Amino acid sequence: EVQLQASGGGLVQAGGSLRLSCAASGFTFGDYYIGWFRQAPGKEREGISYISTLDDSTVYTASVKDRFTISADNAKNTVSLQMNGLKPEDTAVYYCAAVLDPPILASDLPQYADYWGQGTQVTVSS
């Protein structure tokens, strides 16, 4: 059974930081790109970033570049998203996803995701 378990969300003030983690199981980790997308209330899903589990190359959407950092631990089948400089507009449910054939743009990640799990809520207060 494929599982992508996201954790680490919470409530933080604007300018603060959070670190999300994704624990993957049930598939061959090294065959997939792993990424994150988010969905705010009343809005469409938005891809944020993804990473190659083969060479650690990364792609970010413009709105989070230079604030968020994605990383992978192949030994533990986990991917983390370090989020710094959080803004109220970052408030959303964040989902971890596995993609076999990734999009060119990180923002398109939701349309290409093969698997995703339950999300974790991130709330940024102003």
C-alpha atoms as a PDB file:
ATOM      1  CA  GLU A   1       0.000   0.000   0.000  1.00  0.00           C
ATOM      2  CA  VAL A   2       1.392   3.382  -1.017  1.00  0.00           C
ATOM      3  CA  GLN A   3       1.624   5.833   1.841  1.00  0.00           C
ATOM      4  CA  LEU A   4       2.835   9.423   1.902  1.00  0.00           C
ATOM      5  CA  GLN A   5       2.480  10.718   5.418  1.00  0.00           C
ATOM      6  CA  ALA A   6       2.956  14.451   5.849  1.00  0.00           C
ATOM      7  CA  SER A   7       3.642  15.957   9.256  1.00  0.00           C
ATOM      8  CA  GLY A   8       5.041  19.062  10.893  1.00  0.00           C
ATOM      9  CA  GLY A   9       2.329  21.594  10.215  1.00  0.00           C
ATOM     10  CA  GLY A  10       1.090  24.052  12.785  1.00  0.00           C
ATOM     11  CA  LEU A  11       0.372  27.647  13.646  1.00  0.00           C
ATOM     12  CA  VAL A  12       3.153  30.188  13.263  1.00  0.00           C
ATOM     13  CA  GLN A  13       3.440  33.952  13.113  1.00  0.00           C
ATOM     14  CA  ALA A  14       4.393  35.730   9.930  1.00  0.00           C
ATOM     15  CA  GLY A  15       8.132  35.621   9.429  1.00  0.00           C
ATOM     16  CA  GLY A  16       8.432  32.354  11.312  1.00  0.00           C
ATOM     17  CA  SER A  17       9.554  28.916  10.202  1.00  0.00           C
ATOM     18  CA  LEU A  18       8.205  25.392  10.003  1.00  0.00           C
ATOM     19  CA  ARG A  19       9.694  22.132   8.782  1.00  0.00           C
ATOM     20  CA  LEU A  20       7.399  19.637   7.104  1.00  0.00           C
ATOM     21  CA  SER A  21       8.299  15.988   6.737  1.00  0.00           C
ATOM     22  CA  CYS A  22       6.996  13.322   4.379  1.00  0.00           C
ATOM     23  CA  ALA A  23       7.440   9.633   5.119  1.00  0.00           C
ATOM     24  CA  ALA A  24       7.019   7.481   2.018  1.00  0.00           C
ATOM     25  CA  SER A  25       6.386   3.765   1.809  1.00  0.00           C
ATOM     26  CA  GLY A  26       4.820   1.142  -0.451  1.00  0.00           C
ATOM     27  CA  PHE A  27       6.725   2.064  -3.613  1.00  0.00           C
ATOM     28  CA  THR A  28      10.298   2.279  -4.832  1.00  0.00           C
ATOM     29  CA  PHE A  29      11.392   5.652  -3.499  1.00  0.00           C
ATOM     30  CA  GLY A  30      14.249   6.079  -5.949  1.00  0.00           C
ATOM     31  CA  ASP A  31      11.948   5.684  -8.968  1.00  0.00           C
ATOM     32  CA  TYR A  32       9.947   8.801  -8.173  1.00  0.00           C
ATOM     33  CA  TYR A  33      10.310  12.511  -7.766  1.00  0.00           C
ATOM     34  CA  ILE A  34       8.847  13.634  -4.441  1.00  0.00           C
ATOM     35  CA  GLY A  35       7.272  17.005  -3.983  1.00  0.00           C
ATOM     36  CA  TRP A  36       4.801  19.192  -2.185  1.00  0.00           C
ATOM     37  CA  PHE A  37       1.664  20.961  -3.212  1.00  0.00           C
ATOM     38  CA  ARG A  38      -0.773  22.979  -1.140  1.00  0.00           C
ATOM     39  CA  GLN A  39      -4.405  23.964  -1.175  1.00  0.00           C
ATOM     40  CA  ALA A  40      -5.843  26.993   0.537  1.00  0.00           C
ATOM     41  CA  PRO A  41      -9.577  27.273   1.265  1.00  0.00           C
ATOM     42  CA  GLY A  42     -11.487  28.158  -1.877  1.00  0.00           C
ATOM     43  CA  LYS A  43      -8.415  27.951  -4.064  1.00  0.00           C
ATOM     44  CA  GLU A  44      -6.991  25.424  -6.490  1.00  0.00           C
ATOM     45  CA  ARG A  45      -4.139  23.153  -5.581  1.00  0.00           C
ATOM     46  CA  GLU A  46      -0.757  24.796  -6.133  1.00  0.00           C
ATOM     47  CA  GLY A  47       2.486  22.946  -6.690  1.00  0.00           C
ATOM     48  CA  ILE A  48       5.381  24.232  -4.578  1.00  0.00           C
ATOM     49  CA  SER A  49       8.466  22.146  -5.157  1.00  0.00           C
ATOM     50  CA  TYR A  50       9.814  18.734  -6.029  1.00  0.00           C
ATOM     51  CA  ILE A  51      13.111  16.911  -5.767  1.00  0.00           C
ATOM     52  CA  SER A  52      14.778  14.122  -7.700  1.00  0.00           C
ATOM     53  CA  THR A  53      15.597  11.241  -5.401  1.00  0.00           C
ATOM     54  CA  LEU A  54      18.390  10.249  -7.799  1.00  0.00           C
ATOM     55  CA  ASP A  55      20.467  13.412  -7.996  1.00  0.00           C
ATOM     56  CA  ASP A  56      18.785  15.793  -5.489  1.00  0.00           C
ATOM     57  CA  SER A  57      18.009  18.328  -8.210  1.00  0.00           C
ATOM     58  CA  THR A  58      15.188  20.618  -7.160  1.00  0.00           C
ATOM     59  CA  VAL A  59      12.502  22.774  -8.708  1.00  0.00           C
ATOM     60  CA  TYR A  60      10.541  25.512  -6.942  1.00  0.00           C
ATOM     61  CA  THR A  61       7.620  27.693  -7.829  1.00  0.00           C
ATOM     62  CA  ALA A  62       8.420  31.403  -7.848  1.00  0.00           C
ATOM     63  CA  SER A  63       6.333  32.288  -4.802  1.00  0.00           C
ATOM     64  CA  VAL A  64       8.440  30.119  -2.462  1.00  0.00           C
ATOM     65  CA  LYS A  65      11.843  30.205  -4.082  1.00  0.00           C
ATOM     66  CA  ASP A  66      14.503  31.583  -1.696  1.00  0.00           C
ATOM     67  CA  ARG A  67      12.201  30.941   1.296  1.00  0.00           C
ATOM     68  CA  PHE A  68      11.551  27.194   1.134  1.00  0.00           C
ATOM     69  CA  THR A  69      14.096  24.388   0.822  1.00  0.00           C
ATOM     70  CA  ILE A  70      13.271  20.800  -0.119  1.00  0.00           C
ATOM     71  CA  SER A  71      15.563  17.910   0.740  1.00  0.00           C
ATOM     72  CA  ALA A  72      15.484  14.134   0.607  1.00  0.00           C
ATOM     73  CA  ASP A  73      16.898  11.359   2.761  1.00  0.00           C
ATOM     74  CA  ASN A  74      17.013   8.271   0.583  1.00  0.00           C
ATOM     75  CA  ALA A  75      18.130   6.064   3.471  1.00  0.00           C
ATOM     76  CA  LYS A  76      14.955   6.893   5.384  1.00  0.00           C
ATOM     77  CA  ASN A  77      12.592   7.388   2.403  1.00  0.00           C
ATOM     78  CA  THR A  78      11.713  10.829   3.666  1.00  0.00           C
ATOM     79  CA  VAL A  79      11.476  14.287   2.140  1.00  0.00           C
ATOM     80  CA  SER A  80      11.494  17.506   4.130  1.00  0.00           C
ATOM     81  CA  LEU A  81      10.366  21.022   3.332  1.00  0.00           C
ATOM     82  CA  GLN A  82      12.016  23.754   5.372  1.00  0.00           C
ATOM     83  CA  MET A  83       9.829  26.840   5.228  1.00  0.00           C
ATOM     84  CA  ASN A  84      11.309  30.150   6.328  1.00  0.00           C
ATOM     85  CA  GLY A  85       9.929  33.656   6.123  1.00  0.00           C
ATOM     86  CA  LEU A  86       6.363  32.380   6.221  1.00  0.00           C
ATOM     87  CA  LYS A  87       3.620  34.718   5.075  1.00  0.00           C
ATOM     88  CA  PRO A  88      -0.141  34.645   5.738  1.00  0.00           C
ATOM     89  CA  GLU A  89      -0.662  33.698   2.092  1.00  0.00           C
ATOM     90  CA  ASP A  90       1.269  30.468   2.759  1.00  0.00           C
ATOM     91  CA  THR A  91      -1.661  29.280   4.879  1.00  0.00           C
ATOM     92  CA  ALA A  92      -2.950  26.039   3.366  1.00  0.00           C
ATOM     93  CA  VAL A  93      -3.073  22.300   3.731  1.00  0.00           C
ATOM     94  CA  TYR A  94       0.240  20.925   2.487  1.00  0.00           C
ATOM     95  CA  TYR A  95       0.400  17.563   0.731  1.00  0.00           C
ATOM     96  CA  CYS A  96       3.322  15.344  -0.098  1.00  0.00           C
ATOM     97  CA  ALA A  97       3.220  13.727  -3.544  1.00  0.00           C
ATOM     98  CA  ALA A  98       5.143  11.190  -5.609  1.00  0.00           C
ATOM     99  CA  VAL A  99       5.574  11.792  -9.334  1.00  0.00           C
ATOM    100  CA  LEU A 100       6.996   9.384 -11.906  1.00  0.00           C
ATOM    101  CA  ASP A 101       7.160  11.880 -14.764  1.00  0.00           C
ATOM    102  CA  PRO A 102       7.429  15.399 -13.328  1.00  0.00           C
ATOM    103  CA  PRO A 103       6.266  18.639 -14.945  1.00  0.00           C
ATOM    104  CA  ILE A 104       8.667  21.344 -16.023  1.00  0.00           C
ATOM    105  CA  LEU A 105       7.041  23.807 -13.652  1.00  0.00           C
ATOM    106  CA  ALA A 106       6.652  22.989  -9.977  1.00  0.00           C
ATOM    107  CA  SER A 107       3.298  24.770 -10.014  1.00  0.00           C
ATOM    108  CA  ASP A 108       1.910  21.979 -12.220  1.00  0.00           C
ATOM    109  CA  LEU A 109       2.823  19.233  -9.746  1.00  0.00           C
ATOM    110  CA  PRO A 110      -0.763  18.452  -8.648  1.00  0.00           C
ATOM    111  CA  GLN A 111      -1.768  17.538 -12.217  1.00  0.00           C
ATOM    112  CA  TYR A 112       1.164  15.127 -12.546  1.00  0.00           C
ATOM    113  CA  ALA A 113       1.113  13.496  -9.110  1.00  0.00           C
ATOM    114  CA  ASP A 114       0.765   9.718  -9.130  1.00  0.00           C
ATOM    115  CA  TYR A 115       0.315   9.403  -5.375  1.00  0.00           C
ATOM    116  CA  TRP A 116      -0.355  11.787  -2.514  1.00  0.00           C
ATOM    117  CA  GLY A 117      -1.370  11.410   1.067  1.00  0.00           C
ATOM    118  CA  GLN A 118      -3.220  13.177   3.810  1.00  0.00           C
ATOM    119  CA  GLY A 119      -2.085  16.733   4.203  1.00  0.00           C
ATOM    120  CA  THR A 120      -0.857  18.762   7.134  1.00  0.00           C
ATOM    121  CA  GLN A 121      -2.301  22.161   8.004  1.00  0.00           C
ATOM    122  CA  VAL A 122      -0.049  25.212   7.997  1.00  0.00           C
ATOM    123  CA  THR A 123      -1.523  28.418   9.366  1.00  0.00           C
ATOM    124  CA  VAL A 124       0.421  31.674   9.318  1.00  0.00           C
ATOM    125  CA  SER A 125      -0.969  34.523  11.376  1.00  0.00           C
ATOM    126  CA  SER A 126      -0.311  38.151  10.560  1.00  0.00           C
END
